[in-house]
C-alpha cells in the first residue's frame, strides 16, 4: 500500500523534465530566446550610443582673444550639453575665415566686429544656439577680464557674492527619460515572456488531447501530477529565461561602462525577477486549463483570450492611466507583476505598497492554482470539443 505514493510522488519531476528537455531541443524555443537576448543587447548599445553621443564644432579665429574665448566656451559647452566641444581653427584674416565657413571647413567663425564693437559669430545659414550661448558668455568673460587687468580693477573682488549655485528638489528628474525606457522594457518583456510560455503550455496540452496521448499519460500518471509537472517545467524555463535576460542586462550595462544606469534601475531588475516568478506561477496553471478546455488547436484563441486580456490590460494601463490609477492597480494581484516593476523603474515605491502587491499576488496564486487543478482534472479527458469556462467551473463545483 505504501509503494504507490512513493511511485507517483516523483512523477511530476518526470513530466517537468520532459517539458524542459523538449523545449531545449526545440529550434523555435532557442531562436525566440536568442532574439530576446539580442534585442536587449541592441537596446543597451543604442542607449549607450545615444547617451554618449557628442559633437565637436570647429570655430575659425584670427586673434588670441578669440582663441582663448573658444577654449573657455568649450568648457562651458561640455558642462551644459553633456560632452559637446568646441575646437579652434586659426586663419590669417577674416576673409579666409569666412571662406572656410562658406566652404564647410569650419562650423562658425568668431571674428572682431567692425569699429571695435566686440566680436561677431559668422555662420553659413545658421548658428547653433548652444554654441552661440557658450561663445557669447565666454567672450564676455575673457574680454571683461582683459579690460579689468588693463584698468587695474580687481575683478574677483567685484564678483564676490554674485555666484549662483544649483540645488534640485527632484534630482531624479534628469533621468526621467531613462527610467521611462526601463519601465517600458520591463512591461514589454513580462508581456512577451508570459504570453509566449503561456501559449506554449496551452498548446502542448491541447496537442496531447487532440492526439489522445493524454489518455495514455493519465492512465499512468495522476492528472493533477501532470498539471504540476507541466507548470513546474514551463516555469523553470520561463524563470530561467528571465534570469538570463536580467544577467545580460546587468552585464551589458557594466561592459558599456553605464554604471549610473545600473545604479538607477538595478534594484528594479531584481524586483522584476521576483515579481515574474510569483506572477508566472500564478498564471501558469490557468494556461494549462486554457489548453484543457480546447478540443483542437483552432480553439486556443478563444480559450486563452481571458488570459491574454489579463496580460494586455496592465500593458495599456502603463501608458494611458494616470499616476493614481497606476498606483492602485500596481497592488492588484497578478496585475502587480507587470505594473510594480514598471513603477520601481520610474522611481521609489513605498515598502508597504510592495508588501501589499506581493501578499495579494501570493494569495491569488494559491487560490488560482487550487481552482485550476480542480478544473484541469475535470476537463482534461473531455476530448473532441471546446469547453466553456462557465461549464468547466460548474463541472468543478459538481465534483
Protein backbone atom coordinates (compact mmCIF):
# COMPACT_ATOMS: atom_id res chain seq x y z
CA UNK A 1 0.00 0.00 0.00
CA UNK A 2 2.88 2.38 0.71
CA UNK A 3 4.64 1.75 -2.58
CA UNK A 4 2.08 3.53 -4.80
CA UNK A 5 2.54 7.00 -3.25
CA UNK A 6 6.28 6.55 -3.45
CA UNK A 7 5.99 5.56 -7.08
CA UNK A 8 3.78 8.52 -8.04
CA UNK A 9 5.22 11.19 -5.77
CA UNK A 10 8.19 11.79 -8.06
CA UNK A 11 6.33 11.53 -11.35
CA UNK A 12 5.84 15.30 -11.57
CA UNK A 13 9.63 15.54 -11.90
CA UNK A 14 9.48 13.22 -14.90
CA UNK A 15 6.81 15.39 -16.53
CA UNK A 16 8.72 18.57 -15.69
CA UNK A 17 11.97 17.17 -17.11
CA UNK A 18 10.12 16.16 -20.27
CA UNK A 19 8.78 19.69 -20.69
CA UNK A 20 12.21 21.23 -20.15
CA UNK A 21 14.19 18.87 -22.38
CA UNK A 22 11.59 19.01 -25.17
CA UNK A 23 11.74 22.80 -25.31
CA UNK A 24 15.52 22.96 -25.01
CA UNK A 25 15.71 20.78 -28.11
CA UNK A 26 13.23 22.97 -29.97
CA UNK A 27 14.81 25.31 -32.52
CA UNK A 28 11.81 27.64 -32.22
CA UNK A 29 12.28 27.99 -28.47
CA UNK A 30 16.02 28.58 -28.76
CA UNK A 31 15.55 31.05 -31.61
CA UNK A 32 12.92 33.09 -29.74
CA UNK A 33 15.14 33.23 -26.66
CA UNK A 34 18.10 34.32 -28.76
CA UNK A 35 16.00 37.06 -30.37
CA UNK A 36 15.04 38.44 -26.95
CA UNK A 37 18.65 38.41 -25.76
CA UNK A 38 19.86 40.01 -28.98
CA UNK A 39 17.12 42.64 -28.79
CA UNK A 40 18.11 43.51 -25.22
CA UNK A 41 21.78 43.80 -26.20
CA UNK A 42 20.89 46.05 -29.14
CA UNK A 43 18.76 48.23 -26.85
CA UNK A 44 21.63 48.65 -24.39
CA UNK A 45 24.05 49.53 -27.19
CA UNK A 46 21.61 52.04 -28.71
CA UNK A 47 21.02 53.67 -25.33
CA UNK A 48 24.76 53.90 -24.78
CA UNK A 49 25.33 55.44 -28.21
CA UNK A 50 22.53 57.94 -27.72
CA UNK A 51 23.58 58.90 -24.22
CA UNK A 52 27.24 59.08 -25.13
CA UNK A 53 26.87 60.84 -28.48
CA UNK A 54 28.81 64.12 -28.54
CA UNK A 55 29.69 66.60 -31.25
CA UNK A 56 32.63 68.91 -31.88
CA UNK A 57 32.10 72.28 -33.60
CA UNK A 58 35.09 73.92 -35.24
CA UNK A 59 35.39 77.69 -34.75
CA UNK A 60 37.59 79.85 -37.00
CA UNK A 61 39.50 82.67 -35.25
CA UNK A 62 42.06 85.28 -36.29
CA UNK A 63 43.39 86.51 -32.90
CA UNK A 64 44.45 85.24 -29.48
CA UNK A 65 41.50 86.73 -27.60
CA UNK A 66 39.02 84.84 -29.75
CA UNK A 67 41.08 81.65 -29.40
CA UNK A 68 41.03 81.99 -25.61
CA UNK A 69 37.27 82.64 -25.70
CA UNK A 70 36.69 79.49 -27.78
CA UNK A 71 38.66 77.37 -25.30
CA UNK A 72 36.66 78.83 -22.41
CA UNK A 73 33.43 78.36 -24.38
CA UNK A 74 34.28 74.71 -24.97
CA UNK A 75 34.45 74.17 -21.21
CA UNK A 76 31.05 75.82 -20.80
CA UNK A 77 29.53 73.75 -23.61
CA UNK A 78 30.87 70.46 -22.25
CA UNK A 79 29.27 71.21 -18.90
CA UNK A 80 25.89 72.28 -20.30
CA UNK A 81 25.47 69.78 -23.15
CA UNK A 82 26.88 66.54 -21.73
CA UNK A 83 30.13 66.47 -23.66
CA UNK A 84 29.85 68.64 -26.78
CA UNK A 85 33.07 70.55 -27.51
CA UNK A 86 34.48 73.50 -29.46
CA UNK A 87 37.71 73.35 -31.42
CA UNK A 88 39.88 76.29 -32.52
CA UNK A 89 40.98 76.69 -36.15
CA UNK A 90 43.25 79.69 -36.82
CA UNK A 91 43.21 81.71 -40.05
CA UNK A 92 45.31 84.63 -41.23
CA UNK A 93 42.45 87.06 -41.76
CA UNK A 94 38.67 87.45 -41.59
CA UNK A 95 38.19 86.85 -45.32
CA UNK A 96 39.90 83.45 -45.09
CA UNK A 97 37.84 82.56 -42.03
CA UNK A 98 34.58 83.50 -43.75
CA UNK A 99 35.59 81.50 -46.81
CA UNK A 100 36.18 78.46 -44.57
CA UNK A 101 32.67 78.87 -43.14
CA UNK A 102 31.17 79.11 -46.62
CA UNK A 103 33.10 76.03 -47.83
CA UNK A 104 32.05 73.99 -44.79
CA UNK A 105 35.60 73.60 -43.47
CA UNK A 106 34.52 75.08 -40.12
CA UNK A 107 31.14 75.44 -38.45
CA UNK A 108 31.33 79.12 -37.43
CA UNK A 109 33.84 81.94 -37.19
CA UNK A 110 34.41 84.21 -34.18
CA UNK A 111 35.69 87.46 -35.71
CA UNK A 112 36.30 91.02 -34.46
CA UNK A 113 33.27 93.20 -35.24
CA UNK A 114 33.69 96.35 -37.29
CA UNK A 115 34.57 99.52 -35.41
CA UNK A 116 35.97 97.64 -32.43
CA UNK A 117 32.47 96.77 -31.15
CA UNK A 118 33.40 93.39 -29.75
CA UNK A 119 33.04 90.17 -31.76
CA UNK A 120 30.55 88.60 -34.10
CA UNK A 121 29.68 84.99 -34.82
CA UNK A 122 29.63 84.24 -38.52
CA UNK A 123 27.74 81.20 -39.77
CA UNK A 124 26.73 80.00 -43.21
CA UNK A 125 22.95 79.58 -42.92
CA UNK A 126 22.52 79.16 -39.15
CA UNK A 127 24.43 79.19 -35.87
CA UNK A 128 23.74 76.51 -33.28
CA UNK A 129 22.03 78.08 -30.27
CA UNK A 130 24.13 76.20 -27.70
CA UNK A 131 27.37 77.18 -29.48
CA UNK A 132 26.22 80.78 -29.67
CA UNK A 133 25.34 80.85 -25.98
CA UNK A 134 28.64 79.29 -24.90
CA UNK A 135 30.75 81.64 -27.05
CA UNK A 136 28.75 84.74 -26.08
CA UNK A 137 29.30 84.11 -22.38
CA UNK A 138 32.97 83.16 -22.82
CA UNK A 139 33.76 86.24 -24.95
CA UNK A 140 32.15 88.46 -22.32
CA UNK A 141 34.19 86.80 -19.57
CA UNK A 142 37.52 86.88 -21.45
CA UNK A 143 37.19 90.47 -22.66
CA UNK A 144 35.95 91.68 -19.27
CA UNK A 145 38.95 90.07 -17.59
CA UNK A 146 41.32 91.70 -20.11
CA UNK A 147 39.71 95.11 -19.61
CA UNK A 148 39.90 94.77 -15.82
CA UNK A 149 43.59 93.92 -15.94
CA UNK A 150 44.24 96.88 -18.26
CA UNK A 151 42.46 99.33 -15.92
CA UNK A 152 43.80 97.85 -12.69
CA UNK A 153 40.40 96.67 -11.45
CA UNK A 154 40.16 93.71 -9.03
CA UNK A 155 37.56 91.73 -10.95
CA UNK A 156 37.45 88.97 -8.33
CA UNK A 157 36.54 91.44 -5.59
CA UNK A 158 33.81 92.90 -7.78
CA UNK A 159 32.36 89.45 -8.31
CA UNK A 160 32.21 88.43 -4.65
CA UNK A 161 28.69 87.31 -3.73
CA UNK A 162 27.45 87.05 -7.30
CA UNK A 163 27.91 83.28 -7.67
CA UNK A 164 24.76 81.28 -8.29
CA UNK A 165 24.68 77.56 -7.45
CA UNK A 166 22.04 74.95 -8.23
CA UNK A 167 20.05 72.66 -5.94
CA UNK A 168 17.46 70.24 -7.32
CA UNK A 169 14.34 69.36 -5.37
CA UNK A 170 13.88 66.35 -7.67
CA UNK A 171 17.37 65.12 -8.61
CA UNK A 172 15.90 62.07 -10.39
CA UNK A 173 14.05 64.24 -12.90
CA UNK A 174 17.15 64.40 -15.13
CA UNK A 175 16.94 60.60 -15.51
CA UNK A 176 13.20 60.54 -16.27
CA UNK A 177 13.72 59.51 -19.90
CA UNK A 178 15.98 56.61 -18.98
CA UNK A 179 13.58 55.46 -16.28
CA UNK A 180 10.65 55.54 -18.69
CA UNK A 181 12.58 53.41 -21.19
CA UNK A 182 13.39 50.88 -18.44
CA UNK A 183 9.72 50.89 -17.36
CA UNK A 184 8.61 50.14 -20.92
CA UNK A 185 11.19 47.36 -21.29
CA UNK A 186 10.05 45.65 -18.05
CA UNK A 187 6.40 45.68 -19.09
CA UNK A 188 7.16 44.52 -22.63
CA UNK A 189 9.48 41.69 -21.51
CA UNK A 190 6.96 40.39 -18.99
CA UNK A 191 4.17 40.53 -21.54
CA UNK A 192 6.15 38.75 -24.27
CA UNK A 193 7.64 36.12 -21.95
CA UNK A 194 4.42 35.32 -20.08
CA UNK A 195 2.39 35.23 -23.31
CA UNK A 196 4.94 33.11 -25.16
CA UNK A 197 5.39 30.50 -22.44
CA UNK A 198 1.70 30.56 -21.53
CA UNK A 199 0.65 29.81 -25.09
CA UNK A 200 3.27 27.09 -25.15
CA UNK A 201 1.69 25.37 -22.12
CA UNK A 202 -1.81 25.65 -23.56
CA UNK A 203 -0.71 24.40 -26.97
CA UNK A 204 1.07 21.29 -25.66
CA UNK A 205 -1.92 20.36 -23.51
CA UNK A 206 -4.27 20.70 -26.50
CA UNK A 207 -1.93 18.72 -28.74
CA UNK A 208 -1.89 15.87 -26.24
CA UNK A 209 -5.71 15.95 -26.03
CA UNK A 210 -6.15 16.09 -29.78
CA UNK A 211 -3.76 13.18 -30.37
CA UNK A 212 -5.24 11.19 -27.45
CA UNK A 213 -1.78 10.96 -25.90
CA UNK A 214 -3.24 12.43 -22.72
CA UNK A 215 -5.37 9.34 -22.22
CA UNK A 216 -2.24 7.19 -22.18
CA UNK A 217 -0.48 9.59 -19.82
CA UNK A 218 -3.50 9.79 -17.49
CA UNK A 219 -3.56 6.00 -17.22
CA UNK A 220 -0.01 6.03 -15.84
CA UNK A 221 0.16 9.39 -14.07
CA UNK A 222 -2.45 11.17 -11.94
CA UNK A 223 -3.93 14.12 -13.83
CA UNK A 224 -3.02 16.59 -11.09
CA UNK A 225 0.56 15.33 -11.23
CA UNK A 226 0.57 16.02 -14.98
CA UNK A 227 -0.52 19.58 -14.22
CA UNK A 228 2.19 20.15 -11.60
CA UNK A 229 4.83 18.74 -13.92
CA UNK A 230 3.79 20.98 -16.81
CA UNK A 231 3.54 24.08 -14.62
CA UNK A 232 6.86 23.48 -12.88
CA UNK A 233 8.72 22.54 -16.07
CA UNK A 234 7.48 25.54 -18.03
CA UNK A 235 8.00 27.84 -15.05
CA UNK A 236 11.62 26.70 -14.84
CA UNK A 237 12.12 27.59 -18.49
CA UNK A 238 10.35 30.96 -18.19
CA UNK A 239 12.13 31.93 -14.98
CA UNK A 240 15.44 30.73 -16.40
CA UNK A 241 14.99 32.90 -19.48
CA UNK A 242 14.04 35.86 -17.29
CA UNK A 243 17.15 35.43 -15.16
CA UNK A 244 19.29 35.17 -18.30
CA UNK A 245 17.80 38.41 -19.62
CA UNK A 246 18.40 40.12 -16.28
CA UNK A 247 22.02 38.95 -16.21
CA UNK A 248 22.54 40.04 -19.83
CA UNK A 249 21.11 43.44 -18.97
CA UNK A 250 23.40 43.89 -15.96
CA UNK A 251 26.49 42.63 -17.80
CA UNK A 252 25.67 44.81 -20.80
CA UNK A 253 25.45 47.91 -18.63
CA UNK A 254 28.73 47.03 -16.91
CA UNK A 255 30.55 46.34 -20.18
CA UNK A 256 29.41 49.64 -21.68
CA UNK A 257 30.50 51.43 -18.51
CA UNK A 258 26.97 52.63 -17.85
CA UNK A 259 27.21 52.18 -14.08
CA UNK A 260 24.97 55.19 -13.45
CA UNK A 261 22.13 53.48 -15.29
CA UNK A 262 22.78 50.27 -13.38
CA UNK A 263 22.57 52.13 -10.08
CA UNK A 264 19.26 53.65 -11.14
CA UNK A 265 17.47 50.53 -12.39
CA UNK A 266 19.48 47.73 -10.74
CA UNK A 267 17.07 47.31 -7.81
CA UNK A 268 14.14 47.36 -10.23
CA UNK A 269 15.73 44.48 -12.19
CA UNK A 270 15.90 42.36 -9.03
CA UNK A 271 12.28 43.14 -8.15
CA UNK A 272 11.25 42.36 -11.72
CA UNK A 273 12.65 38.82 -11.45
CA UNK A 274 10.87 38.27 -8.11
CA UNK A 275 7.52 39.54 -9.39
CA UNK A 276 7.87 37.50 -12.58
CA UNK A 277 8.38 34.29 -10.56
CA UNK A 278 5.27 34.93 -8.46
CA UNK A 279 3.12 36.14 -11.33
CA UNK A 280 4.01 33.49 -13.87
CA UNK A 281 3.49 30.58 -11.47
CA UNK A 282 0.10 32.07 -10.58
CA UNK A 283 -0.90 32.19 -14.26
CA UNK A 284 0.80 29.01 -15.49
CA UNK A 285 -1.84 26.66 -14.09
CA UNK A 286 -4.60 28.60 -15.84
CA UNK A 287 -2.71 28.48 -19.13
CA UNK A 288 -2.86 24.69 -18.70
CA UNK A 289 -6.59 24.94 -18.04
CA UNK A 290 -6.99 27.01 -21.21
CA UNK A 291 -5.34 24.16 -23.11
CA UNK A 292 -7.54 21.55 -21.47
CA UNK A 293 -10.71 23.47 -22.45
CA UNK A 294 -9.76 23.45 -26.14
CA UNK A 295 -10.73 20.46 -28.23
CA UNK A 296 -8.29 21.33 -31.02
CA UNK A 297 -5.60 23.89 -31.80
CA UNK A 298 -8.10 26.22 -33.52
CA UNK A 299 -9.95 26.61 -30.20
CA UNK A 300 -6.94 28.04 -28.37
CA UNK A 301 -7.58 31.62 -29.45
CA UNK A 302 -10.94 31.54 -27.67
CA UNK A 303 -9.91 29.61 -24.55
CA UNK A 304 -6.76 31.68 -23.99
CA UNK A 305 -8.44 35.05 -24.65
CA UNK A 306 -9.22 35.83 -20.97
CA UNK A 307 -5.56 35.27 -20.06
CA UNK A 308 -4.37 37.39 -22.96
CA UNK A 309 -6.63 40.20 -21.71
CA UNK A 310 -5.22 39.85 -18.20
CA UNK A 311 -1.72 40.30 -19.63
CA UNK A 312 -2.60 43.08 -22.07
CA UNK A 313 -4.64 45.22 -19.66
CA UNK A 314 -1.63 46.25 -17.50
CA UNK A 315 0.29 46.99 -20.70
CA UNK A 316 -2.40 49.52 -21.68
CA UNK A 317 -2.68 50.92 -18.13
CA UNK A 318 1.07 51.58 -18.07
CA UNK A 319 0.88 54.02 -20.97
CA UNK A 320 -2.62 55.50 -20.66
CA UNK A 321 -3.65 55.69 -16.99
CA UNK A 322 -2.81 58.46 -14.56
CA UNK A 323 -0.39 58.07 -11.68
CA UNK A 324 -3.09 57.41 -9.06
CA UNK A 325 -4.69 54.65 -11.16
CA UNK A 326 -1.32 53.03 -11.79
CA UNK A 327 -0.51 53.16 -8.09
CA UNK A 328 -3.73 51.36 -7.12
CA UNK A 329 -3.54 48.85 -9.99
CA UNK A 330 0.09 48.02 -9.17
CA UNK A 331 -1.11 46.46 -5.89
CA UNK A 332 -3.76 44.27 -7.52
CA UNK A 333 -2.95 40.55 -7.70
CA UNK A 334 -1.36 39.35 -10.95
CA UNK A 335 -1.55 42.84 -12.48
CA UNK A 336 1.08 43.95 -9.97
CA UNK A 337 3.62 41.60 -11.53
CA UNK A 338 3.77 43.93 -14.55
CA UNK A 339 2.98 47.33 -13.07
CA UNK A 340 5.05 47.25 -9.88
CA UNK A 341 8.44 46.66 -11.60
CA UNK A 342 7.45 49.40 -14.04
CA UNK A 343 6.83 51.84 -11.17
CA UNK A 344 10.07 50.77 -9.46
CA UNK A 345 11.99 51.59 -12.63
CA UNK A 346 10.49 55.08 -12.65
CA UNK A 347 11.28 55.89 -9.01
CA UNK A 348 10.94 54.89 -5.38
CA UNK A 349 7.88 52.93 -4.23
CA UNK A 350 6.82 52.77 -0.56
CA UNK A 351 7.69 49.45 1.06
CA UNK A 352 4.12 48.94 2.24
CA UNK A 353 2.90 49.04 -1.36
CA UNK A 354 5.48 46.44 -2.34
CA UNK A 355 4.34 44.29 0.58
CA UNK A 356 0.69 44.56 -0.44
CA UNK A 357 1.49 43.69 -4.06
CA UNK A 358 3.49 40.60 -3.09
CA UNK A 359 0.99 39.42 -0.48
CA UNK A 360 -2.07 39.77 -2.72
CA UNK A 361 -0.35 38.04 -5.64
CA UNK A 362 0.85 35.16 -3.44
CA UNK A 363 -2.67 34.72 -2.06
CA UNK A 364 -4.13 34.86 -5.57
CA UNK A 365 -1.55 32.31 -6.75
CA UNK A 366 -2.58 29.83 -4.07
CA UNK A 367 -6.28 30.25 -4.87
CA UNK A 368 -5.81 30.16 -8.64
CA UNK A 369 -3.66 27.04 -8.53
CA UNK A 370 -6.23 25.23 -6.37
CA UNK A 371 -9.13 26.16 -8.65
CA UNK A 372 -7.13 25.44 -11.80
CA UNK A 373 -6.14 21.99 -10.54
CA UNK A 374 -9.77 21.02 -9.99
CA UNK A 375 -10.88 22.36 -13.39
CA UNK A 376 -7.94 20.69 -15.12
CA UNK A 377 -8.83 17.33 -13.61
CA UNK A 378 -12.46 17.73 -14.67
CA UNK A 379 -11.83 18.78 -18.28
CA UNK A 380 -8.57 17.21 -19.46
CA UNK A 381 -10.10 13.93 -20.62
CA UNK A 382 -13.13 15.55 -22.29
CA UNK A 383 -11.81 15.40 -25.84
CA UNK A 384 -13.36 16.29 -29.18
CA UNK A 385 -15.00 19.61 -28.28
CA UNK A 386 -14.34 23.04 -26.83
CA UNK A 387 -15.48 23.56 -23.24
CA UNK A 388 -16.53 26.98 -21.98
CA UNK A 389 -15.22 28.44 -18.74
CA UNK A 390 -18.72 28.51 -17.26
CA UNK A 391 -19.27 24.83 -17.98
CA UNK A 392 -15.82 23.98 -16.64
CA UNK A 393 -16.47 25.80 -13.36
CA UNK A 394 -19.87 24.16 -12.99
CA UNK A 395 -18.25 20.76 -13.60
CA UNK A 396 -15.66 21.54 -10.96
CA UNK A 397 -18.36 22.59 -8.48
CA UNK A 398 -20.31 19.41 -9.14
CA UNK A 399 -17.20 17.37 -8.40
